Amino acid sequence: MNVTERVIHEQFPFWNGALDIALPTHGNGLNVIVGCGTSYYLAMSIAATFNRNGHMAIAVPGAEWARRRESYAVGSADVTVVALSRSGESSETVQA
């Protein structure tokens, strides 16, 4: 088993636990999915899935949200932000 395969297999216990987390309920507000690089591409897919299921969402690059969030959430008082990061150390995502 190579390193990539090992890392993938090591993630299963985490994802099984994540499935048991009760997500907060959210009204009709805006869901902002933030990420950088590969995580941003994943954010775009997640936002599209939210929208397809009737929940308003946008994907925003971490640096953009950190510096100009008011440009993306215009008139939205009810905003939920989900930040994605592979490493947990992307400086722009951490700032966001």
PDB file of N, CA and C in Angstrom:
ATOM      1  N   MET A   1       0.860  -1.170   0.000  1.00  0.00           N
ATOM      2  CA  MET A   1       0.000   0.000   0.000  1.00  0.00           C
ATOM      3  C   MET A   1       0.910   1.238   0.000  1.00  0.00           C
ATOM      4  N   ASN A   2       0.651   2.148  -0.937  1.00  0.00           N
ATOM      5  CA  ASN A   2       1.469   3.361  -0.993  1.00  0.00           C
ATOM      6  C   ASN A   2       0.954   4.398   0.009  1.00  0.00           C
ATOM      7  N   VAL A   3       1.670   5.507   0.108  1.00  0.00           N
ATOM      8  CA  VAL A   3       1.340   6.540   1.096  1.00  0.00           C
ATOM      9  C   VAL A   3      -0.065   7.096   0.881  1.00  0.00           C
ATOM     10  N   THR A   4      -0.413   7.372  -0.363  1.00  0.00           N
ATOM     11  CA  THR A   4      -1.738   7.933  -0.648  1.00  0.00           C
ATOM     12  C   THR A   4      -2.843   6.978  -0.206  1.00  0.00           C
ATOM     13  N   GLU A   5      -2.689   5.706  -0.535  1.00  0.00           N
ATOM     14  CA  GLU A   5      -3.699   4.720  -0.135  1.00  0.00           C
ATOM     15  C   GLU A   5      -3.801   4.623   1.386  1.00  0.00           C
ATOM     16  N   ARG A   6      -2.655   4.640   2.062  1.00  0.00           N
ATOM     17  CA  ARG A   6      -2.657   4.550   3.520  1.00  0.00           C
ATOM     18  C   ARG A   6      -3.386   5.743   4.142  1.00  0.00           C
ATOM     19  N   VAL A   7      -3.103   6.941   3.635  1.00  0.00           N
ATOM     20  CA  VAL A   7      -3.749   8.144   4.169  1.00  0.00           C
ATOM     21  C   VAL A   7      -5.259   8.083   3.950  1.00  0.00           C
ATOM     22  N   ILE A   8      -5.671   7.615   2.788  1.00  0.00           N
ATOM     23  CA  ILE A   8      -7.109   7.481   2.512  1.00  0.00           C
ATOM     24  C   ILE A   8      -7.754   6.518   3.503  1.00  0.00           C
ATOM     25  N   HIS A   9      -7.134   5.371   3.723  1.00  0.00           N
ATOM     26  CA  HIS A   9      -7.701   4.383   4.647  1.00  0.00           C
ATOM     27  C   HIS A   9      -7.719   4.891   6.085  1.00  0.00           C
ATOM     28  N   GLU A  10      -6.752   5.719   6.453  1.00  0.00           N
ATOM     29  CA  GLU A  10      -6.713   6.264   7.812  1.00  0.00           C
ATOM     30  C   GLU A  10      -7.841   7.265   8.057  1.00  0.00           C
ATOM     31  N   GLN A  11      -8.458   7.764   7.011  1.00  0.00           N
ATOM     32  CA  GLN A  11      -9.521   8.758   7.158  1.00  0.00           C
ATOM     33  C   GLN A  11     -10.872   8.145   7.518  1.00  0.00           C
ATOM     34  N   PHE A  12     -11.067   6.859   7.288  1.00  0.00           N
ATOM     35  CA  PHE A  12     -12.381   6.256   7.504  1.00  0.00           C
ATOM     36  C   PHE A  12     -12.919   6.453   8.918  1.00  0.00           C
ATOM     37  N   PRO A  13     -12.128   6.254   9.980  1.00  0.00           N
ATOM     38  CA  PRO A  13     -12.681   6.485  11.326  1.00  0.00           C
ATOM     39  C   PRO A  13     -13.156   7.930  11.520  1.00  0.00           C
ATOM     40  N   PHE A  14     -12.427   8.879  10.961  1.00  0.00           N
ATOM     41  CA  PHE A  14     -12.843  10.278  11.076  1.00  0.00           C
ATOM     42  C   PHE A  14     -14.193  10.489  10.407  1.00  0.00           C
ATOM     43  N   TRP A  15     -14.336  10.019   9.172  1.00  0.00           N
ATOM     44  CA  TRP A  15     -15.578  10.252   8.438  1.00  0.00           C
ATOM     45  C   TRP A  15     -16.752   9.532   9.081  1.00  0.00           C
ATOM     46  N   ASN A  16     -16.520   8.357   9.646  1.00  0.00           N
ATOM     47  CA  ASN A  16     -17.603   7.672  10.361  1.00  0.00           C
ATOM     48  C   ASN A  16     -18.074   8.506  11.542  1.00  0.00           C
ATOM     49  N   GLY A  17     -17.138   9.115  12.266  1.00  0.00           N
ATOM     50  CA  GLY A  17     -17.504   9.989  13.378  1.00  0.00           C
ATOM     51  C   GLY A  17     -18.190  11.250  12.904  1.00  0.00           C
ATOM     52  N   ALA A  18     -17.745  11.776  11.775  1.00  0.00           N
ATOM     53  CA  ALA A  18     -18.323  13.014  11.241  1.00  0.00           C
ATOM     54  C   ALA A  18     -19.784  12.823  10.858  1.00  0.00           C
ATOM     55  N   LEU A  19     -20.139  11.624  10.448  1.00  0.00           N
ATOM     56  CA  LEU A  19     -21.524  11.362  10.071  1.00  0.00           C
ATOM     57  C   LEU A  19     -22.473  11.457  11.262  1.00  0.00           C
ATOM     58  N   ASP A  20     -21.936  11.316  12.471  1.00  0.00           N
ATOM     59  CA  ASP A  20     -22.764  11.365  13.674  1.00  0.00           C
ATOM     60  C   ASP A  20     -22.928  12.774  14.231  1.00  0.00           C
ATOM     61  N   ILE A  21     -22.234  13.751  13.649  1.00  0.00           N
ATOM     62  CA  ILE A  21     -22.311  15.122  14.142  1.00  0.00           C
ATOM     63  C   ILE A  21     -23.645  15.733  13.720  1.00  0.00           C
ATOM     64  N   ALA A  22     -24.346  16.300  14.676  1.00  0.00           N
ATOM     65  CA  ALA A  22     -25.611  16.978  14.373  1.00  0.00           C
ATOM     66  C   ALA A  22     -25.291  18.375  13.864  1.00  0.00           C
ATOM     67  N   LEU A  23     -25.597  18.628  12.623  1.00  0.00           N
ATOM     68  CA  LEU A  23     -25.343  19.937  12.046  1.00  0.00           C
ATOM     69  C   LEU A  23     -26.391  20.928  12.523  1.00  0.00           C
ATOM     70  N   PRO A  24     -25.986  22.183  12.694  1.00  0.00           N
ATOM     71  CA  PRO A  24     -26.965  23.186  13.128  1.00  0.00           C
ATOM     72  C   PRO A  24     -28.011  23.409  12.048  1.00  0.00           C
ATOM     73  N   THR A  25     -29.212  23.707  12.487  1.00  0.00           N
ATOM     74  CA  THR A  25     -30.245  24.040  11.513  1.00  0.00           C
ATOM     75  C   THR A  25     -30.009  25.465  11.057  1.00  0.00           C
ATOM     76  N   HIS A  26     -30.371  25.730   9.853  1.00  0.00           N
ATOM     77  CA  HIS A  26     -30.099  27.039   9.267  1.00  0.00           C
ATOM     78  C   HIS A  26     -31.320  27.447   8.470  1.00  0.00           C
ATOM     79  N   GLY A  27     -31.731  28.667   8.660  1.00  0.00           N
ATOM     80  CA  GLY A  27     -32.912  29.155   7.958  1.00  0.00           C
ATOM     81  C   GLY A  27     -32.660  29.338   6.478  1.00  0.00           C
ATOM     82  N   ASN A  28     -33.132  30.428   5.957  1.00  0.00           N
ATOM     83  CA  ASN A  28     -33.004  30.704   4.531  1.00  0.00           C
ATOM     84  C   ASN A  28     -31.821  31.603   4.229  1.00  0.00           C
ATOM     85  N   GLY A  29     -30.857  31.666   5.123  1.00  0.00           N
ATOM     86  CA  GLY A  29     -29.706  32.539   4.935  1.00  0.00           C
ATOM     87  C   GLY A  29     -28.726  32.004   3.911  1.00  0.00           C
ATOM     88  N   LEU A  30     -27.651  32.735   3.778  1.00  0.00           N
ATOM     89  CA  LEU A  30     -26.601  32.417   2.815  1.00  0.00           C
ATOM     90  C   LEU A  30     -25.564  31.496   3.444  1.00  0.00           C
ATOM     91  N   ASN A  31     -25.227  30.432   2.750  1.00  0.00           N
ATOM     92  CA  ASN A  31     -24.150  29.536   3.145  1.00  0.00           C
ATOM     93  C   ASN A  31     -22.927  29.892   2.314  1.00  0.00           C
ATOM     94  N   VAL A  32     -21.837  30.229   2.972  1.00  0.00           N
ATOM     95  CA  VAL A  32     -20.596  30.577   2.282  1.00  0.00           C
ATOM     96  C   VAL A  32     -19.600  29.462   2.542  1.00  0.00           C
ATOM     97  N   ILE A  33     -19.139  28.836   1.468  1.00  0.00           N
ATOM     98  CA  ILE A  33     -18.165  27.763   1.573  1.00  0.00           C
ATOM     99  C   ILE A  33     -16.827  28.337   1.126  1.00  0.00           C
ATOM    100  N   VAL A  34     -15.849  28.344   2.022  1.00  0.00           N
ATOM    101  CA  VAL A  34     -14.564  28.989   1.782  1.00  0.00           C
ATOM    102  C   VAL A  34     -13.472  27.937   1.653  1.00  0.00           C
ATOM    103  N   GLY A  35     -12.565  28.149   0.707  1.00  0.00           N
ATOM    104  CA  GLY A  35     -11.429  27.250   0.552  1.00  0.00           C
ATOM    105  C   GLY A  35     -10.366  27.867  -0.334  1.00  0.00           C
ATOM    106  N   CYS A  36      -9.197  27.259  -0.333  1.00  0.00           N
ATOM    107  CA  CYS A  36      -8.081  27.700  -1.174  1.00  0.00           C
ATOM    108  C   CYS A  36      -7.576  26.505  -1.981  1.00  0.00           C
ATOM    109  N   GLY A  37      -7.221  26.748  -3.232  1.00  0.00           N
ATOM    110  CA  GLY A  37      -6.678  25.675  -4.067  1.00  0.00           C
ATOM    111  C   GLY A  37      -7.683  24.562  -4.273  1.00  0.00           C
ATOM    112  N   THR A  38      -7.249  23.334  -4.020  1.00  0.00           N
ATOM    113  CA  THR A  38      -8.117  22.172  -4.183  1.00  0.00           C
ATOM    114  C   THR A  38      -9.362  22.285  -3.313  1.00  0.00           C
ATOM    115  N   SER A  39      -9.207  22.832  -2.130  1.00  0.00           N
ATOM    116  CA  SER A  39     -10.356  22.993  -1.228  1.00  0.00           C
ATOM    117  C   SER A  39     -11.380  23.974  -1.791  1.00  0.00           C
ATOM    118  N   TYR A  40     -10.920  24.939  -2.562  1.00  0.00           N
ATOM    119  CA  TYR A  40     -11.857  25.871  -3.205  1.00  0.00           C
ATOM    120  C   TYR A  40     -12.678  25.145  -4.272  1.00  0.00           C
ATOM    121  N   TYR A  41     -12.040  24.263  -5.037  1.00  0.00           N
ATOM    122  CA  TYR A  41     -12.789  23.495  -6.038  1.00  0.00           C
ATOM    123  C   TYR A  41     -13.833  22.612  -5.363  1.00  0.00           C
ATOM    124  N   LEU A  42     -13.488  22.045  -4.234  1.00  0.00           N
ATOM    125  CA  LEU A  42     -14.455  21.270  -3.466  1.00  0.00           C
ATOM    126  C   LEU A  42     -15.576  22.181  -2.960  1.00  0.00           C
ATOM    127  N   ALA A  43     -15.219  23.396  -2.532  1.00  0.00           N
ATOM    128  CA  ALA A  43     -16.218  24.367  -2.069  1.00  0.00           C
ATOM    129  C   ALA A  43     -17.226  24.681  -3.170  1.00  0.00           C
ATOM    130  N   MET A  44     -16.746  24.796  -4.409  1.00  0.00           N
ATOM    131  CA  MET A  44     -17.660  25.065  -5.527  1.00  0.00           C
ATOM    132  C   MET A  44     -18.643  23.917  -5.714  1.00  0.00           C
ATOM    133  N   SER A  45     -18.172  22.688  -5.584  1.00  0.00           N
ATOM    134  CA  SER A  45     -19.067  21.531  -5.715  1.00  0.00           C
ATOM    135  C   SER A  45     -20.085  21.491  -4.585  1.00  0.00           C
ATOM    136  N   ILE A  46     -19.632  21.783  -3.381  1.00  0.00           N
ATOM    137  CA  ILE A  46     -20.542  21.788  -2.234  1.00  0.00           C
ATOM    138  C   ILE A  46     -21.597  22.881  -2.393  1.00  0.00           C
ATOM    139  N   ALA A  47     -21.170  24.077  -2.812  1.00  0.00           N
ATOM    140  CA  ALA A  47     -22.125  25.177  -3.012  1.00  0.00           C
ATOM    141  C   ALA A  47     -23.161  24.805  -4.069  1.00  0.00           C
ATOM    142  N   ALA A  48     -22.727  24.168  -5.146  1.00  0.00           N
ATOM    143  CA  ALA A  48     -23.661  23.747  -6.191  1.00  0.00           C
ATOM    144  C   ALA A  48     -24.669  22.738  -5.641  1.00  0.00           C
ATOM    145  N   THR A  49     -24.199  21.830  -4.795  1.00  0.00           N
ATOM    146  CA  THR A  49     -25.087  20.837  -4.194  1.00  0.00           C
ATOM    147  C   THR A  49     -26.093  21.508  -3.257  1.00  0.00           C
ATOM    148  N   PHE A  50     -25.619  22.452  -2.454  1.00  0.00           N
ATOM    149  CA  PHE A  50     -26.533  23.215  -1.589  1.00  0.00           C
ATOM    150  C   PHE A  50     -27.615  23.875  -2.436  1.00  0.00           C
ATOM    151  N   ASN A  51     -27.193  24.579  -3.489  1.00  0.00           N
ATOM    152  CA  ASN A  51     -28.144  25.301  -4.345  1.00  0.00           C
ATOM    153  C   ASN A  51     -29.143  24.357  -4.993  1.00  0.00           C
ATOM    154  N   ARG A  52     -28.667  23.219  -5.465  1.00  0.00           N
ATOM    155  CA  ARG A  52     -29.549  22.243  -6.107  1.00  0.00           C
ATOM    156  C   ARG A  52     -30.608  21.734  -5.135  1.00  0.00           C
ATOM    157  N   ASN A  53     -30.269  21.743  -3.843  1.00  0.00           N
ATOM    158  CA  ASN A  53     -31.197  21.252  -2.824  1.00  0.00           C
ATOM    159  C   ASN A  53     -31.961  22.368  -2.117  1.00  0.00           C
ATOM    160  N   GLY A  54     -31.960  23.552  -2.723  1.00  0.00           N
ATOM    161  CA  GLY A  54     -32.784  24.639  -2.220  1.00  0.00           C
ATOM    162  C   GLY A  54     -32.179  25.485  -1.114  1.00  0.00           C
ATOM    163  N   HIS A  55     -30.871  25.363  -0.891  1.00  0.00           N
ATOM    164  CA  HIS A  55     -30.196  26.163   0.133  1.00  0.00           C
ATOM    165  C   HIS A  55     -29.216  27.098  -0.559  1.00  0.00           C
ATOM    166  N   MET A  56     -29.422  28.393  -0.410  1.00  0.00           N
ATOM    167  CA  MET A  56     -28.593  29.381  -1.086  1.00  0.00           C
ATOM    168  C   MET A  56     -27.141  29.279  -0.600  1.00  0.00           C
ATOM    169  N   ALA A  57     -26.207  29.141  -1.558  1.00  0.00           N
ATOM    170  CA  ALA A  57     -24.798  28.996  -1.197  1.00  0.00           C
ATOM    171  C   ALA A  57     -23.898  29.563  -2.281  1.00  0.00           C
ATOM    172  N   ILE A  58     -22.730  30.026  -1.847  1.00  0.00           N
ATOM    173  CA  ILE A  58     -21.687  30.459  -2.771  1.00  0.00           C
ATOM    174  C   ILE A  58     -20.356  29.915  -2.273  1.00  0.00           C
ATOM    175  N   ALA A  59     -19.444  29.710  -3.204  1.00  0.00           N
ATOM    176  CA  ALA A  59     -18.069  29.339  -2.867  1.00  0.00           C
ATOM    177  C   ALA A  59     -17.210  30.585  -3.035  1.00  0.00           C
ATOM    178  N   VAL A  60     -16.337  30.820  -2.076  1.00  0.00           N
ATOM    179  CA  VAL A  60     -15.491  32.008  -2.109  1.00  0.00           C
ATOM    180  C   VAL A  60     -14.062  31.601  -1.757  1.00  0.00           C
ATOM    181  N   PRO A  61     -13.077  32.066  -2.542  1.00  0.00           N
ATOM    182  CA  PRO A  61     -11.677  31.803  -2.171  1.00  0.00           C
ATOM    183  C   PRO A  61     -11.374  32.418  -0.800  1.00  0.00           C
ATOM    184  N   GLY A  62     -10.573  31.740  -0.015  1.00  0.00           N
ATOM    185  CA  GLY A  62     -10.273  32.195   1.341  1.00  0.00           C
ATOM    186  C   GLY A  62      -9.773  33.622   1.424  1.00  0.00           C
ATOM    187  N   ALA A  63      -8.848  34.004   0.541  1.00  0.00           N
ATOM    188  CA  ALA A  63      -8.293  35.363   0.577  1.00  0.00           C
ATOM    189  C   ALA A  63      -9.368  36.404   0.292  1.00  0.00           C
ATOM    190  N   GLU A  64     -10.280  36.082  -0.607  1.00  0.00           N
ATOM    191  CA  GLU A  64     -11.369  37.010  -0.928  1.00  0.00           C
ATOM    192  C   GLU A  64     -12.287  37.207   0.274  1.00  0.00           C
ATOM    193  N   TRP A  65     -12.666  36.121   0.924  1.00  0.00           N
ATOM    194  CA  TRP A  65     -13.567  36.234   2.072  1.00  0.00           C
ATOM    195  C   TRP A  65     -12.881  36.971   3.220  1.00  0.00           C
ATOM    196  N   ALA A  66     -11.592  36.721   3.415  1.00  0.00           N
ATOM    197  CA  ALA A  66     -10.864  37.380   4.499  1.00  0.00           C
ATOM    198  C   ALA A  66     -10.769  38.887   4.279  1.00  0.00           C
ATOM    199  N   ARG A  67     -10.669  39.307   3.030  1.00  0.00           N
ATOM    200  CA  ARG A  67     -10.436  40.720   2.740  1.00  0.00           C
ATOM    201  C   ARG A  67     -11.681  41.499   2.309  1.00  0.00           C
ATOM    202  N   ARG A  68     -12.661  40.815   1.687  1.00  0.00           N
ATOM    203  CA  ARG A  68     -13.812  41.544   1.121  1.00  0.00           C
ATOM    204  C   ARG A  68     -15.130  40.817   1.345  1.00  0.00           C
ATOM    205  N   ARG A  69     -15.327  40.292   2.517  1.00  0.00           N
ATOM    206  CA  ARG A  69     -16.550  39.501   2.742  1.00  0.00           C
ATOM    207  C   ARG A  69     -17.825  40.288   2.487  1.00  0.00           C
ATOM    208  N   GLU A  70     -17.784  41.595   2.732  1.00  0.00           N
ATOM    209  CA  GLU A  70     -18.988  42.414   2.516  1.00  0.00           C
ATOM    210  C   GLU A  70     -19.390  42.451   1.045  1.00  0.00           C
ATOM    211  N   SER A  71     -18.458  42.168   0.142  1.00  0.00           N
ATOM    212  CA  SER A  71     -18.775  42.141  -1.290  1.00  0.00           C
ATOM    213  C   SER A  71     -19.521  40.871  -1.689  1.00  0.00           C
ATOM    214  N   TYR A  72     -19.457  39.850  -0.867  1.00  0.00           N
ATOM    215  CA  TYR A  72     -20.081  38.570  -1.191  1.00  0.00           C
ATOM    216  C   TYR A  72     -21.385  38.338  -0.436  1.00  0.00           C
ATOM    217  N   ALA A  73     -21.533  38.943   0.717  1.00  0.00           N
ATOM    218  CA  ALA A  73     -22.723  38.723   1.541  1.00  0.00           C
ATOM    219  C   ALA A  73     -23.537  40.004   1.647  1.00  0.00           C
ATOM    220  N   VAL A  74     -23.740  40.662   0.521  1.00  0.00           N
ATOM    221  CA  VAL A  74     -24.474  41.929   0.487  1.00  0.00           C
ATOM    222  C   VAL A  74     -25.918  41.699   0.929  1.00  0.00           C
ATOM    223  N   GLY A  75     -26.322  42.420   1.950  1.00  0.00           N
ATOM    224  CA  GLY A  75     -27.704  42.339   2.409  1.00  0.00           C
ATOM    225  C   GLY A  75     -28.063  41.050   3.115  1.00  0.00           C
ATOM    226  N   SER A  76     -27.090  40.219   3.422  1.00  0.00           N
ATOM    227  CA  SER A  76     -27.365  38.949   4.094  1.00  0.00           C
ATOM    228  C   SER A  76     -26.965  39.037   5.557  1.00  0.00           C
ATOM    229  N   ALA A  77     -27.948  39.133   6.417  1.00  0.00           N
ATOM    230  CA  ALA A  77     -27.660  39.175   7.847  1.00  0.00           C
ATOM    231  C   ALA A  77     -27.433  37.769   8.388  1.00  0.00           C
ATOM    232  N   ASP A  78     -28.082  36.790   7.769  1.00  0.00           N
ATOM    233  CA  ASP A  78     -28.018  35.403   8.225  1.00  0.00           C
ATOM    234  C   ASP A  78     -27.030  34.643   7.343  1.00  0.00           C
ATOM    235  N   VAL A  79     -25.770  34.573   7.778  1.00  0.00           N
ATOM    236  CA  VAL A  79     -24.713  33.940   6.984  1.00  0.00           C
ATOM    237  C   VAL A  79     -24.062  32.832   7.804  1.00  0.00           C
ATOM    238  N   THR A  80     -23.919  31.665   7.191  1.00  0.00           N
ATOM    239  CA  THR A  80     -23.173  30.560   7.786  1.00  0.00           C
ATOM    240  C   THR A  80     -21.943  30.328   6.928  1.00  0.00           C
ATOM    241  N   VAL A  81     -20.773  30.287   7.567  1.00  0.00           N
ATOM    242  CA  VAL A  81     -19.518  30.092   6.843  1.00  0.00           C
ATOM    243  C   VAL A  81     -18.950  28.730   7.197  1.00  0.00           C
ATOM    244  N   VAL A  82     -18.587  27.968   6.159  1.00  0.00           N
ATOM    245  CA  VAL A  82     -17.908  26.694   6.328  1.00  0.00           C
ATOM    246  C   VAL A  82     -16.554  26.832   5.654  1.00  0.00           C
ATOM    247  N   ALA A  83     -15.483  26.653   6.415  1.00  0.00           N
ATOM    248  CA  ALA A  83     -14.128  26.772   5.873  1.00  0.00           C
ATOM    249  C   ALA A  83     -13.538  25.384   5.667  1.00  0.00           C
ATOM    250  N   LEU A  84     -13.020  25.140   4.460  1.00  0.00           N
ATOM    251  CA  LEU A  84     -12.419  23.855   4.117  1.00  0.00           C
ATOM    252  C   LEU A  84     -10.912  24.010   3.962  1.00  0.00           C
ATOM    253  N   SER A  85     -10.166  23.035   4.447  1.00  0.00           N
ATOM    254  CA  SER A  85      -8.718  23.054   4.280  1.00  0.00           C
ATOM    255  C   SER A  85      -8.187  21.638   4.395  1.00  0.00           C
ATOM    256  N   ARG A  86      -7.341  21.243   3.465  1.00  0.00           N
ATOM    257  CA  ARG A  86      -6.741  19.910   3.542  1.00  0.00           C
ATOM    258  C   ARG A  86      -5.791  19.824   4.723  1.00  0.00           C
ATOM    259  N   SER A  87      -4.979  20.859   4.906  1.00  0.00           N
ATOM    260  CA  SER A  87      -3.952  20.834   5.950  1.00  0.00           C
ATOM    261  C   SER A  87      -4.419  21.463   7.256  1.00  0.00           C
ATOM    262  N   GLY A  88      -5.426  22.329   7.176  1.00  0.00           N
ATOM    263  CA  GLY A  88      -5.834  23.091   8.345  1.00  0.00           C
ATOM    264  C   GLY A  88      -4.929  24.274   8.610  1.00  0.00           C
ATOM    265  N   GLU A  89      -3.999  24.518   7.693  1.00  0.00           N
ATOM    266  CA  GLU A  89      -3.004  25.565   7.899  1.00  0.00           C
ATOM    267  C   GLU A  89      -2.970  26.610   6.794  1.00  0.00           C
ATOM    268  N   SER A  90      -3.861  26.542   5.821  1.00  0.00           N
ATOM    269  CA  SER A  90      -3.871  27.538   4.744  1.00  0.00           C
ATOM    270  C   SER A  90      -4.119  28.905   5.359  1.00  0.00           C
ATOM    271  N   SER A  91      -3.148  29.808   5.238  1.00  0.00           N
ATOM    272  CA  SER A  91      -3.234  31.092   5.945  1.00  0.00           C
ATOM    273  C   SER A  91      -4.478  31.880   5.559  1.00  0.00           C
ATOM    274  N   GLU A  92      -4.853  31.867   4.276  1.00  0.00           N
ATOM    275  CA  GLU A  92      -6.034  32.614   3.850  1.00  0.00           C
ATOM    276  C   GLU A  92      -7.306  32.028   4.452  1.00  0.00           C
ATOM    277  N   THR A  93      -7.383  30.712   4.514  1.00  0.00           N
ATOM    278  CA  THR A  93      -8.566  30.079   5.089  1.00  0.00           C
ATOM    279  C   THR A  93      -8.621  30.323   6.588  1.00  0.00           C
ATOM    280  N   VAL A  94      -7.482  30.265   7.250  1.00  0.00           N
ATOM    281  CA  VAL A  94      -7.439  30.541   8.687  1.00  0.00           C
ATOM    282  C   VAL A  94      -7.879  31.976   8.952  1.00  0.00           C
ATOM    283  N   GLN A  95      -7.440  32.928   8.123  1.00  0.00           N
ATOM    284  CA  GLN A  95      -7.853  34.324   8.276  1.00  0.00           C
ATOM    285  C   GLN A  95      -9.354  34.485   8.053  1.00  0.00           C
ATOM    286  N   ALA A  96      -9.877  33.745   7.084  1.00  0.00           N
ATOM    287  CA  ALA A  96     -11.303  33.850   6.757  1.00  0.00           C
ATOM    288  C   ALA A  96     -12.137  33.385   7.929  1.00  0.00           C
TER     289      ALA A  96
END
